[in-house]
Amino acid sequence: MINSIIKALFLVFTCFYFLSCGGGHSSPKPRGFFRIDFPAKKYIHYESSCPFTFDYPDYARPIVDTSKGAEPCWINLEFPQFNGTLHISYKNIESAKMYHQLIEDARDFAYKHSVKATDIEEFVINIPEKRVGGVFYNIEGNTASSSQFYLTDTNRHYLRAALYFNEVPRADSIAPVIKFVNYDLQKIIKTFRWKN
């Protein structure tokens, strides 16, 4: 009786073994990326004691920059869903020399990425009815920052913004997110106003 039970168990395990193998060939799967679901575009008006206003997407969070060395009206516009931050800094222009230095600094900050950038495009911003002018830097390639811009009225106010993602820079995998957020940056620029 024990022999017949052992033979039956052996037969069952043998059948399971051959059925589980299936005779199919396995091959490695190609590397994949996470699917990104983009939220609907809705905007909120940013208002504070700072001398500027703009509209920002409702999936972003404006947080006052409290890091060491931060000045008044420095803001981090965080995009938690995309693990990114738009770092915004404001300066009150005190002289023509300071104005020219700020403009040169903005260009230097953008071109520091030229080591890894495949291209850096500059787009002039000119909205005379709002007294807003500046330059938008579109930085392509595996760089830490993909988009930067500055806005100024040329005599009192200067604002600079730089978009960074807290990820290893891989231009091909993050390109859809950059394109999506760049639309928001354009909205910020179009709705931007100096209060005085």
Foldseek 3Di string as FASTA:
>chain_A
DVVVVVVVVVVVVVVVVVVVVVPDDDDDDDDDDDDDDDDDFDWDWDDDPAQKIAIFGPQWDWDQDPDPPADPPWIWTGNVSQQKTKTKHKDWDDDLVVLVVVQVVQVVVLCVQVVFFPDWDKDWDDDVVQLWTWIKIQTHGQGQWGIKIKIDSSHTMIMIITMGHPDRRDRVVCVVVCVVVVVRVVRRSVGMHGND
